[in-house]
């Protein structure tokens, strides 16, 4: 039964959308965000086929934010891209913003 369902779902899956969504999901996971965290991510496949991921983390009142935009490398791996954007946001202080720690 599981194989049958997986086969049916594979038929309606869009590989480009799945790739972009993977990058978008890896980023907040690495930030240890949750559904109420002020985190945004948007991945697109550029005309040259490279992935580009923008990530942002905001303070609850919007007074502080950090931003990162990274394009995929030669591997164009969505999980690697999501992890790289996450690392850049953390380097800029995203963890403190999410936790509500004043700078």
PDB file of N, CA and C in Angstrom:
ATOM      1  N   UNK A   1       0.828  -1.200   0.000  1.00  0.00           N
ATOM      2  CA  UNK A   1       0.000   0.000   0.000  1.00  0.00           C
ATOM      3  C   UNK A   1       0.868   1.258   0.000  1.00  0.00           C
ATOM      4  N   UNK A   2       1.893   1.308   0.851  1.00  0.00           N
ATOM      5  CA  UNK A   2       2.755   2.488   0.914  1.00  0.00           C
ATOM      6  C   UNK A   2       3.402   2.740  -0.437  1.00  0.00           C
ATOM      7  N   UNK A   3       3.859   1.700  -1.096  1.00  0.00           N
ATOM      8  CA  UNK A   3       4.476   1.845  -2.405  1.00  0.00           C
ATOM      9  C   UNK A   3       3.483   2.401  -3.411  1.00  0.00           C
ATOM     10  N   UNK A   4       2.248   1.962  -3.348  1.00  0.00           N
ATOM     11  CA  UNK A   4       1.209   2.456  -4.256  1.00  0.00           C
ATOM     12  C   UNK A   4       0.968   3.941  -4.032  1.00  0.00           C
ATOM     13  N   UNK A   5       0.853   4.355  -2.777  1.00  0.00           N
ATOM     14  CA  UNK A   5       0.630   5.769  -2.461  1.00  0.00           C
ATOM     15  C   UNK A   5       1.846   6.591  -2.888  1.00  0.00           C
ATOM     16  N   UNK A   6       3.044   6.101  -2.584  1.00  0.00           N
ATOM     17  CA  UNK A   6       4.258   6.826  -2.974  1.00  0.00           C
ATOM     18  C   UNK A   6       4.323   6.979  -4.493  1.00  0.00           C
ATOM     19  N   UNK A   7       3.934   5.944  -5.219  1.00  0.00           N
ATOM     20  CA  UNK A   7       3.924   6.022  -6.675  1.00  0.00           C
ATOM     21  C   UNK A   7       2.936   7.042  -7.192  1.00  0.00           C
ATOM     22  N   UNK A   8       1.767   7.093  -6.594  1.00  0.00           N
ATOM     23  CA  UNK A   8       0.763   8.084  -6.987  1.00  0.00           C
ATOM     24  C   UNK A   8       1.248   9.505  -6.704  1.00  0.00           C
ATOM     25  N   UNK A   9       1.843   9.694  -5.541  1.00  0.00           N
ATOM     26  CA  UNK A   9       2.330  11.024  -5.180  1.00  0.00           C
ATOM     27  C   UNK A   9       3.498  11.450  -6.065  1.00  0.00           C
ATOM     28  N   UNK A  10       4.357  10.507  -6.425  1.00  0.00           N
ATOM     29  CA  UNK A  10       5.484  10.827  -7.306  1.00  0.00           C
ATOM     30  C   UNK A  10       4.988  11.365  -8.635  1.00  0.00           C
ATOM     31  N   UNK A  11       3.836  10.895  -9.074  1.00  0.00           N
ATOM     32  CA  UNK A  11       3.275  11.354 -10.335  1.00  0.00           C
ATOM     33  C   UNK A  11       2.817  12.795 -10.321  1.00  0.00           C
ATOM     34  N   UNK A  12       2.505  13.331  -9.149  1.00  0.00           N
ATOM     35  CA  UNK A  12       2.051  14.722  -9.061  1.00  0.00           C
ATOM     36  C   UNK A  12       3.102  15.649  -8.461  1.00  0.00           C
ATOM     37  N   UNK A  13       4.230  15.101  -8.060  1.00  0.00           N
ATOM     38  CA  UNK A  13       5.302  15.909  -7.492  1.00  0.00           C
ATOM     39  C   UNK A  13       5.994  16.711  -8.588  1.00  0.00           C
ATOM     40  N   UNK A  14       6.294  17.957  -8.307  1.00  0.00           N
ATOM     41  CA  UNK A  14       7.041  18.800  -9.227  1.00  0.00           C
ATOM     42  C   UNK A  14       8.468  18.913  -8.691  1.00  0.00           C
ATOM     43  N   UNK A  15       9.429  18.391  -9.413  1.00  0.00           N
ATOM     44  CA  UNK A  15      10.817  18.325  -8.935  1.00  0.00           C
ATOM     45  C   UNK A  15      11.385  19.705  -8.611  1.00  0.00           C
ATOM     46  N   UNK A  16      11.111  20.710  -9.435  1.00  0.00           N
ATOM     47  CA  UNK A  16      11.625  22.064  -9.189  1.00  0.00           C
ATOM     48  C   UNK A  16      11.065  22.622  -7.881  1.00  0.00           C
ATOM     49  N   UNK A  17       9.774  22.474  -7.677  1.00  0.00           N
ATOM     50  CA  UNK A  17       9.142  22.961  -6.451  1.00  0.00           C
ATOM     51  C   UNK A  17       9.685  22.227  -5.236  1.00  0.00           C
ATOM     52  N   UNK A  18       9.862  20.922  -5.346  1.00  0.00           N
ATOM     53  CA  UNK A  18      10.402  20.139  -4.235  1.00  0.00           C
ATOM     54  C   UNK A  18      11.825  20.575  -3.892  1.00  0.00           C
ATOM     55  N   UNK A  19      12.625  20.853  -4.900  1.00  0.00           N
ATOM     56  CA  UNK A  19      13.995  21.314  -4.674  1.00  0.00           C
ATOM     57  C   UNK A  19      13.999  22.658  -3.953  1.00  0.00           C
ATOM     58  N   UNK A  20      13.188  23.591  -4.431  1.00  0.00           N
ATOM     59  CA  UNK A  20      13.125  24.917  -3.809  1.00  0.00           C
ATOM     60  C   UNK A  20      12.591  24.818  -2.377  1.00  0.00           C
ATOM     61  N   UNK A  21      11.569  24.014  -2.166  1.00  0.00           N
ATOM     62  CA  UNK A  21      10.987  23.849  -0.829  1.00  0.00           C
ATOM     63  C   UNK A  21      11.985  23.222   0.131  1.00  0.00           C
ATOM     64  N   UNK A  22      12.819  22.326  -0.359  1.00  0.00           N
ATOM     65  CA  UNK A  22      13.832  21.708   0.504  1.00  0.00           C
ATOM     66  C   UNK A  22      14.782  22.766   1.047  1.00  0.00           C
ATOM     67  N   UNK A  23      15.267  23.648   0.184  1.00  0.00           N
ATOM     68  CA  UNK A  23      16.160  24.728   0.639  1.00  0.00           C
ATOM     69  C   UNK A  23      15.459  25.612   1.668  1.00  0.00           C
ATOM     70  N   UNK A  24      14.189  25.936   1.385  1.00  0.00           N
ATOM     71  CA  UNK A  24      13.424  26.797   2.291  1.00  0.00           C
ATOM     72  C   UNK A  24      13.177  26.134   3.637  1.00  0.00           C
ATOM     73  N   UNK A  25      13.069  24.822   3.690  1.00  0.00           N
ATOM     74  CA  UNK A  25      12.796  24.111   4.947  1.00  0.00           C
ATOM     75  C   UNK A  25      14.046  23.873   5.767  1.00  0.00           C
ATOM     76  N   UNK A  26      15.173  23.658   5.105  1.00  0.00           N
ATOM     77  CA  UNK A  26      16.424  23.413   5.830  1.00  0.00           C
ATOM     78  C   UNK A  26      16.838  24.653   6.619  1.00  0.00           C
ATOM     79  N   UNK A  27      16.654  25.821   6.030  1.00  0.00           N
ATOM     80  CA  UNK A  27      17.087  27.066   6.679  1.00  0.00           C
ATOM     81  C   UNK A  27      16.450  27.277   8.058  1.00  0.00           C
ATOM     82  N   UNK A  28      15.120  27.283   8.210  1.00  0.00           N
ATOM     83  CA  UNK A  28      14.561  27.506   9.550  1.00  0.00           C
ATOM     84  C   UNK A  28      14.825  26.347  10.510  1.00  0.00           C
ATOM     85  N   UNK A  29      14.977  25.147   9.961  1.00  0.00           N
ATOM     86  CA  UNK A  29      15.307  24.008  10.822  1.00  0.00           C
ATOM     87  C   UNK A  29      16.647  24.259  11.516  1.00  0.00           C
ATOM     88  N   UNK A  30      17.629  24.738  10.762  1.00  0.00           N
ATOM     89  CA  UNK A  30      18.939  25.046  11.339  1.00  0.00           C
ATOM     90  C   UNK A  30      18.900  26.208  12.318  1.00  0.00           C
ATOM     91  N   UNK A  31      17.962  27.106  12.119  1.00  0.00           N
ATOM     92  CA  UNK A  31      17.810  28.241  13.039  1.00  0.00           C
ATOM     93  C   UNK A  31      17.090  27.830  14.319  1.00  0.00           C
ATOM     94  N   UNK A  32      16.576  26.604  14.327  1.00  0.00           N
ATOM     95  CA  UNK A  32      15.764  26.091  15.427  1.00  0.00           C
ATOM     96  C   UNK A  32      14.523  26.954  15.625  1.00  0.00           C
ATOM     97  N   UNK A  33      13.989  27.407  14.485  1.00  0.00           N
ATOM     98  CA  UNK A  33      12.771  28.191  14.527  1.00  0.00           C
ATOM     99  C   UNK A  33      11.562  27.284  14.649  1.00  0.00           C
ATOM    100  N   UNK A  34      10.453  27.866  14.958  1.00  0.00           N
ATOM    101  CA  UNK A  34       9.194  27.128  15.044  1.00  0.00           C
ATOM    102  C   UNK A  34       8.145  27.915  14.263  1.00  0.00           C
ATOM    103  N   UNK A  35       6.930  27.428  14.272  1.00  0.00           N
ATOM    104  CA  UNK A  35       5.902  28.047  13.425  1.00  0.00           C
ATOM    105  C   UNK A  35       5.616  29.502  13.789  1.00  0.00           C
ATOM    106  N   UNK A  36       5.958  29.927  14.987  1.00  0.00           N
ATOM    107  CA  UNK A  36       5.736  31.318  15.393  1.00  0.00           C
ATOM    108  C   UNK A  36       6.989  32.177  15.311  1.00  0.00           C
ATOM    109  N   UNK A  37       8.102  31.592  14.855  1.00  0.00           N
ATOM    110  CA  UNK A  37       9.341  32.360  14.731  1.00  0.00           C
ATOM    111  C   UNK A  37       9.231  33.345  13.579  1.00  0.00           C
ATOM    112  N   UNK A  38       9.761  34.547  13.770  1.00  0.00           N
ATOM    113  CA  UNK A  38       9.720  35.552  12.708  1.00  0.00           C
ATOM    114  C   UNK A  38      10.825  35.307  11.679  1.00  0.00           C
ATOM    115  N   UNK A  39      10.647  34.235  10.894  1.00  0.00           N
ATOM    116  CA  UNK A  39      11.641  33.794   9.924  1.00  0.00           C
ATOM    117  C   UNK A  39      10.978  33.708   8.554  1.00  0.00           C
ATOM    118  N   UNK A  40      11.705  34.161   7.524  1.00  0.00           N
ATOM    119  CA  UNK A  40      11.199  34.064   6.154  1.00  0.00           C
ATOM    120  C   UNK A  40      12.276  33.493   5.258  1.00  0.00           C
ATOM    121  N   UNK A  41      11.863  32.667   4.321  1.00  0.00           N
ATOM    122  CA  UNK A  41      12.789  32.134   3.334  1.00  0.00           C
ATOM    123  C   UNK A  41      12.075  31.979   2.002  1.00  0.00           C
ATOM    124  N   UNK A  42      12.785  32.297   0.928  1.00  0.00           N
ATOM    125  CA  UNK A  42      12.207  32.145  -0.409  1.00  0.00           C
ATOM    126  C   UNK A  42      13.305  31.694  -1.368  1.00  0.00           C
ATOM    127  N   UNK A  43      13.092  30.555  -1.986  1.00  0.00           N
ATOM    128  CA  UNK A  43      14.051  29.998  -2.932  1.00  0.00           C
ATOM    129  C   UNK A  43      13.464  30.033  -4.333  1.00  0.00           C
ATOM    130  N   UNK A  44      14.289  30.393  -5.301  1.00  0.00           N
ATOM    131  CA  UNK A  44      13.882  30.368  -6.700  1.00  0.00           C
ATOM    132  C   UNK A  44      14.978  29.690  -7.518  1.00  0.00           C
ATOM    133  N   UNK A  45      14.555  29.131  -8.630  1.00  0.00           N
ATOM    134  CA  UNK A  45      15.506  28.604  -9.596  1.00  0.00           C
ATOM    135  C   UNK A  45      15.727  29.696 -10.631  1.00  0.00           C
ATOM    136  N   UNK A  46      16.962  30.179 -10.695  1.00  0.00           N
ATOM    137  CA  UNK A  46      17.307  31.266 -11.610  1.00  0.00           C
ATOM    138  C   UNK A  46      17.255  30.764 -13.060  1.00  0.00           C
ATOM    139  N   UNK A  47      17.194  31.664 -14.040  1.00  0.00           N
ATOM    140  CA  UNK A  47      17.156  31.239 -15.447  1.00  0.00           C
ATOM    141  C   UNK A  47      18.329  30.343 -15.855  1.00  0.00           C
ATOM    142  N   UNK A  48      19.482  30.513 -15.186  1.00  0.00           N
ATOM    143  CA  UNK A  48      20.643  29.668 -15.522  1.00  0.00           C
ATOM    144  C   UNK A  48      20.613  28.317 -14.810  1.00  0.00           C
ATOM    145  N   UNK A  49      19.526  28.051 -14.055  1.00  0.00           N
ATOM    146  CA  UNK A  49      19.383  26.774 -13.363  1.00  0.00           C
ATOM    147  C   UNK A  49      19.910  26.757 -11.943  1.00  0.00           C
ATOM    148  N   UNK A  50      20.605  27.814 -11.534  1.00  0.00           N
ATOM    149  CA  UNK A  50      21.133  27.885 -10.176  1.00  0.00           C
ATOM    150  C   UNK A  50      20.022  28.266  -9.207  1.00  0.00           C
ATOM    151  N   UNK A  51      20.096  27.692  -8.014  1.00  0.00           N
ATOM    152  CA  UNK A  51      19.152  28.052  -6.961  1.00  0.00           C
ATOM    153  C   UNK A  51      19.609  29.329  -6.287  1.00  0.00           C
ATOM    154  N   UNK A  52      18.670  30.143  -5.868  1.00  0.00           N
ATOM    155  CA  UNK A  52      18.961  31.325  -5.073  1.00  0.00           C
ATOM    156  C   UNK A  52      18.015  31.334  -3.886  1.00  0.00           C
ATOM    157  N   UNK A  53      18.573  31.466  -2.680  1.00  0.00           N
ATOM    158  CA  UNK A  53      17.753  31.456  -1.465  1.00  0.00           C
ATOM    159  C   UNK A  53      17.968  32.741  -0.682  1.00  0.00           C
ATOM    160  N   UNK A  54      16.865  33.420  -0.391  1.00  0.00           N
ATOM    161  CA  UNK A  54      16.877  34.599   0.486  1.00  0.00           C
ATOM    162  C   UNK A  54      16.297  34.171   1.824  1.00  0.00           C
ATOM    163  N   UNK A  55      16.959  34.570   2.885  1.00  0.00           N
ATOM    164  CA  UNK A  55      16.455  34.295   4.219  1.00  0.00           C
ATOM    165  C   UNK A  55      16.495  35.548   5.059  1.00  0.00           C
ATOM    166  N   UNK A  56      15.510  35.686   5.939  1.00  0.00           N
ATOM    167  CA  UNK A  56      15.465  36.826   6.856  1.00  0.00           C
ATOM    168  C   UNK A  56      14.941  36.356   8.202  1.00  0.00           C
ATOM    169  N   UNK A  57      15.422  37.010   9.241  1.00  0.00           N
ATOM    170  CA  UNK A  57      14.935  36.798  10.601  1.00  0.00           C
ATOM    171  C   UNK A  57      14.643  38.182  11.165  1.00  0.00           C
ATOM    172  N   UNK A  58      13.466  38.327  11.762  1.00  0.00           N
ATOM    173  CA  UNK A  58      13.011  39.620  12.271  1.00  0.00           C
ATOM    174  C   UNK A  58      12.787  39.550  13.775  1.00  0.00           C
ATOM    175  N   UNK A  59      12.951  40.685  14.456  1.00  0.00           N
ATOM    176  CA  UNK A  59      12.514  40.766  15.848  1.00  0.00           C
ATOM    177  C   UNK A  59      10.993  40.850  15.832  1.00  0.00           C
ATOM    178  N   UNK A  60      10.374  40.529  16.938  1.00  0.00           N
ATOM    179  CA  UNK A  60       8.901  40.506  16.994  1.00  0.00           C
ATOM    180  C   UNK A  60       8.295  41.871  16.664  1.00  0.00           C
ATOM    181  N   UNK A  61       8.974  42.943  17.056  1.00  0.00           N
ATOM    182  CA  UNK A  61       8.427  44.275  16.780  1.00  0.00           C
ATOM    183  C   UNK A  61       8.925  44.849  15.444  1.00  0.00           C
ATOM    184  N   UNK A  62       9.758  44.100  14.736  1.00  0.00           N
ATOM    185  CA  UNK A  62      10.247  44.534  13.431  1.00  0.00           C
ATOM    186  C   UNK A  62      11.380  45.535  13.477  1.00  0.00           C
ATOM    187  N   UNK A  63      11.883  45.855  14.663  1.00  0.00           N
ATOM    188  CA  UNK A  63      12.929  46.868  14.770  1.00  0.00           C
ATOM    189  C   UNK A  63      14.308  46.354  14.379  1.00  0.00           C
ATOM    190  N   UNK A  64      14.516  45.032  14.404  1.00  0.00           N
ATOM    191  CA  UNK A  64      15.802  44.438  14.037  1.00  0.00           C
ATOM    192  C   UNK A  64      15.556  43.311  13.046  1.00  0.00           C
ATOM    193  N   UNK A  65      16.502  43.135  12.141  1.00  0.00           N
ATOM    194  CA  UNK A  65      16.425  41.988  11.232  1.00  0.00           C
ATOM    195  C   UNK A  65      17.809  41.690  10.673  1.00  0.00           C
ATOM    196  N   UNK A  66      17.965  40.468  10.214  1.00  0.00           N
ATOM    197  CA  UNK A  66      19.161  40.067   9.487  1.00  0.00           C
ATOM    198  C   UNK A  66      18.697  39.443   8.178  1.00  0.00           C
ATOM    199  N   UNK A  67      19.539  39.535   7.167  1.00  0.00           N
ATOM    200  CA  UNK A  67      19.179  39.098   5.821  1.00  0.00           C
ATOM    201  C   UNK A  67      20.368  38.406   5.166  1.00  0.00           C
ATOM    202  N   UNK A  68      20.089  37.376   4.396  1.00  0.00           N
ATOM    203  CA  UNK A  68      21.130  36.708   3.612  1.00  0.00           C
ATOM    204  C   UNK A  68      20.536  36.272   2.281  1.00  0.00           C
ATOM    205  N   UNK A  69      21.321  36.372   1.232  1.00  0.00           N
ATOM    206  CA  UNK A  69      20.922  35.881  -0.091  1.00  0.00           C
ATOM    207  C   UNK A  69      22.143  35.181  -0.685  1.00  0.00           C
ATOM    208  N   UNK A  70      21.994  33.901  -0.920  1.00  0.00           N
ATOM    209  CA  UNK A  70      23.090  33.110  -1.469  1.00  0.00           C
ATOM    210  C   UNK A  70      22.562  32.325  -2.660  1.00  0.00           C
ATOM    211  N   UNK A  71      23.380  32.277  -3.683  1.00  0.00           N
ATOM    212  CA  UNK A  71      23.069  31.443  -4.854  1.00  0.00           C
ATOM    213  C   UNK A  71      23.765  30.108  -4.703  1.00  0.00           C
ATOM    214  N   UNK A  72      23.170  29.086  -5.291  1.00  0.00           N
ATOM    215  CA  UNK A  72      23.750  27.749  -5.254  1.00  0.00           C
ATOM    216  C   UNK A  72      25.124  27.727  -5.893  1.00  0.00           C
ATOM    217  N   UNK A  73      25.882  26.749  -5.503  1.00  0.00           N
ATOM    218  CA  UNK A  73      27.215  26.575  -6.069  1.00  0.00           C
ATOM    219  C   UNK A  73      27.129  25.532  -7.171  1.00  0.00           C
ATOM    220  N   UNK A  74      28.262  25.009  -7.563  1.00  0.00           N
ATOM    221  CA  UNK A  74      28.267  24.027  -8.652  1.00  0.00           C
ATOM    222  C   UNK A  74      27.451  22.793  -8.340  1.00  0.00           C
ATOM    223  N   UNK A  75      27.361  22.383  -7.047  1.00  0.00           N
ATOM    224  CA  UNK A  75      26.552  21.209  -6.714  1.00  0.00           C
ATOM    225  C   UNK A  75      25.068  21.536  -6.753  1.00  0.00           C
ATOM    226  N   UNK A  76      24.725  22.803  -6.496  1.00  0.00           N
ATOM    227  CA  UNK A  76      23.336  23.268  -6.518  1.00  0.00           C
ATOM    228  C   UNK A  76      22.443  22.418  -5.612  1.00  0.00           C
ATOM    229  N   UNK A  77      23.006  21.938  -4.506  1.00  0.00           N
ATOM    230  CA  UNK A  77      22.265  21.093  -3.571  1.00  0.00           C
ATOM    231  C   UNK A  77      21.384  21.964  -2.675  1.00  0.00           C
ATOM    232  N   UNK A  78      20.066  21.736  -2.652  1.00  0.00           N
ATOM    233  CA  UNK A  78      19.183  22.607  -1.874  1.00  0.00           C
ATOM    234  C   UNK A  78      19.440  22.544  -0.374  1.00  0.00           C
ATOM    235  N   UNK A  79      19.777  21.385   0.158  1.00  0.00           N
ATOM    236  CA  UNK A  79      20.048  21.275   1.598  1.00  0.00           C
ATOM    237  C   UNK A  79      21.312  22.047   1.971  1.00  0.00           C
ATOM    238  N   UNK A  80      22.325  21.972   1.130  1.00  0.00           N
ATOM    239  CA  UNK A  80      23.557  22.723   1.375  1.00  0.00           C
ATOM    240  C   UNK A  80      23.284  24.218   1.313  1.00  0.00           C
ATOM    241  N   UNK A  81      22.492  24.639   0.347  1.00  0.00           N
ATOM    242  CA  UNK A  81      22.147  26.052   0.222  1.00  0.00           C
ATOM    243  C   UNK A  81      21.380  26.538   1.441  1.00  0.00           C
ATOM    244  N   UNK A  82      20.395  25.769   1.888  1.00  0.00           N
ATOM    245  CA  UNK A  82      19.642  26.137   3.084  1.00  0.00           C
ATOM    246  C   UNK A  82      20.532  26.244   4.307  1.00  0.00           C
ATOM    247  N   UNK A  83      21.480  25.321   4.436  1.00  0.00           N
ATOM    248  CA  UNK A  83      22.410  25.341   5.569  1.00  0.00           C
ATOM    249  C   UNK A  83      23.352  26.543   5.490  1.00  0.00           C
ATOM    250  N   UNK A  84      23.776  26.903   4.291  1.00  0.00           N
ATOM    251  CA  UNK A  84      24.663  28.062   4.137  1.00  0.00           C
ATOM    252  C   UNK A  84      23.951  29.364   4.496  1.00  0.00           C
ATOM    253  N   UNK A  85      22.706  29.513   4.054  1.00  0.00           N
ATOM    254  CA  UNK A  85      21.943  30.722   4.391  1.00  0.00           C
ATOM    255  C   UNK A  85      21.698  30.759   5.894  1.00  0.00           C
ATOM    256  N   UNK A  86      21.364  29.627   6.479  1.00  0.00           N
ATOM    257  CA  UNK A  86      21.170  29.544   7.929  1.00  0.00           C
ATOM    258  C   UNK A  86      22.434  29.987   8.659  1.00  0.00           C
ATOM    259  N   UNK A  87      23.582  29.465   8.247  1.00  0.00           N
ATOM    260  CA  UNK A  87      24.852  29.807   8.902  1.00  0.00           C
ATOM    261  C   UNK A  87      25.138  31.301   8.813  1.00  0.00           C
ATOM    262  N   UNK A  88      24.840  31.889   7.672  1.00  0.00           N
ATOM    263  CA  UNK A  88      25.065  33.333   7.513  1.00  0.00           C
ATOM    264  C   UNK A  88      24.126  34.134   8.421  1.00  0.00           C
ATOM    265  N   UNK A  89      22.876  33.721   8.513  1.00  0.00           N
ATOM    266  CA  UNK A  89      21.939  34.410   9.407  1.00  0.00           C
ATOM    267  C   UNK A  89      22.375  34.276  10.863  1.00  0.00           C
ATOM    268  N   UNK A  90      22.825  33.101  11.250  1.00  0.00           N
ATOM    269  CA  UNK A  90      23.317  32.906  12.614  1.00  0.00           C
ATOM    270  C   UNK A  90      24.539  33.777  12.882  1.00  0.00           C
ATOM    271  N   UNK A  91      25.429  33.881  11.903  1.00  0.00           N
ATOM    272  CA  UNK A  91      26.626  34.719  12.046  1.00  0.00           C
ATOM    273  C   UNK A  91      26.238  36.174  12.300  1.00  0.00           C
ATOM    274  N   UNK A  92      25.117  36.604  11.727  1.00  0.00           N
ATOM    275  CA  UNK A  92      24.661  37.982  11.879  1.00  0.00           C
ATOM    276  C   UNK A  92      23.820  38.209  13.146  1.00  0.00           C
ATOM    277  N   UNK A  93      23.561  37.160  13.924  1.00  0.00           N
ATOM    278  CA  UNK A  93      22.826  37.330  15.171  1.00  0.00           C
ATOM    279  C   UNK A  93      21.389  36.842  15.165  1.00  0.00           C
ATOM    280  N   UNK A  94      21.028  35.975  14.233  1.00  0.00           N
ATOM    281  CA  UNK A  94      19.646  35.493  14.129  1.00  0.00           C
ATOM    282  C   UNK A  94      19.173  34.794  15.401  1.00  0.00           C
ATOM    283  N   UNK A  95      20.016  34.004  16.013  1.00  0.00           N
ATOM    284  CA  UNK A  95      19.626  33.262  17.220  1.00  0.00           C
ATOM    285  C   UNK A  95      19.158  34.230  18.299  1.00  0.00           C
ATOM    286  N   UNK A  96      19.895  35.316  18.504  1.00  0.00           N
ATOM    287  CA  UNK A  96      19.537  36.301  19.522  1.00  0.00           C
ATOM    288  C   UNK A  96      18.230  37.004  19.168  1.00  0.00           C
ATOM    289  N   UNK A  97      18.043  37.288  17.891  1.00  0.00           N
ATOM    290  CA  UNK A  97      16.809  37.941  17.469  1.00  0.00           C
ATOM    291  C   UNK A  97      15.613  37.019  17.721  1.00  0.00           C
ATOM    292  N   UNK A  98      15.730  35.742  17.329  1.00  0.00           N
ATOM    293  CA  UNK A  98      14.657  34.786  17.524  1.00  0.00           C
ATOM    294  C   UNK A  98      14.340  34.644  19.010  1.00  0.00           C
ATOM    295  N   UNK A  99      15.381  34.606  19.828  1.00  0.00           N
ATOM    296  CA  UNK A  99      15.200  34.433  21.278  1.00  0.00           C
ATOM    297  C   UNK A  99      14.730  35.709  21.966  1.00  0.00           C
ATOM    298  N   UNK A 100      14.760  36.838  21.255  1.00  0.00           N
ATOM    299  CA  UNK A 100      14.337  38.108  21.842  1.00  0.00           C
ATOM    300  C   UNK A 100      15.380  38.743  22.746  1.00  0.00           C
ATOM    301  N   UNK A 101      16.642  38.347  22.544  1.00  0.00           N
ATOM    302  CA  UNK A 101      17.737  38.903  23.349  1.00  0.00           C
ATOM    303  C   UNK A 101      18.150  40.241  22.759  1.00  0.00           C
ATOM    304  N   UNK A 102      18.118  41.313  23.551  1.00  0.00           N
ATOM    305  CA  UNK A 102      18.513  42.627  23.015  1.00  0.00           C
ATOM    306  C   UNK A 102      20.004  42.668  22.703  1.00  0.00           C
ATOM    307  N   UNK A 103      20.361  43.426  21.686  1.00  0.00           N
ATOM    308  CA  UNK A 103      21.781  43.576  21.318  1.00  0.00           C
ATOM    309  C   UNK A 103      22.456  44.571  22.183  1.00  0.00           C
TER     310      UNK A 103
END
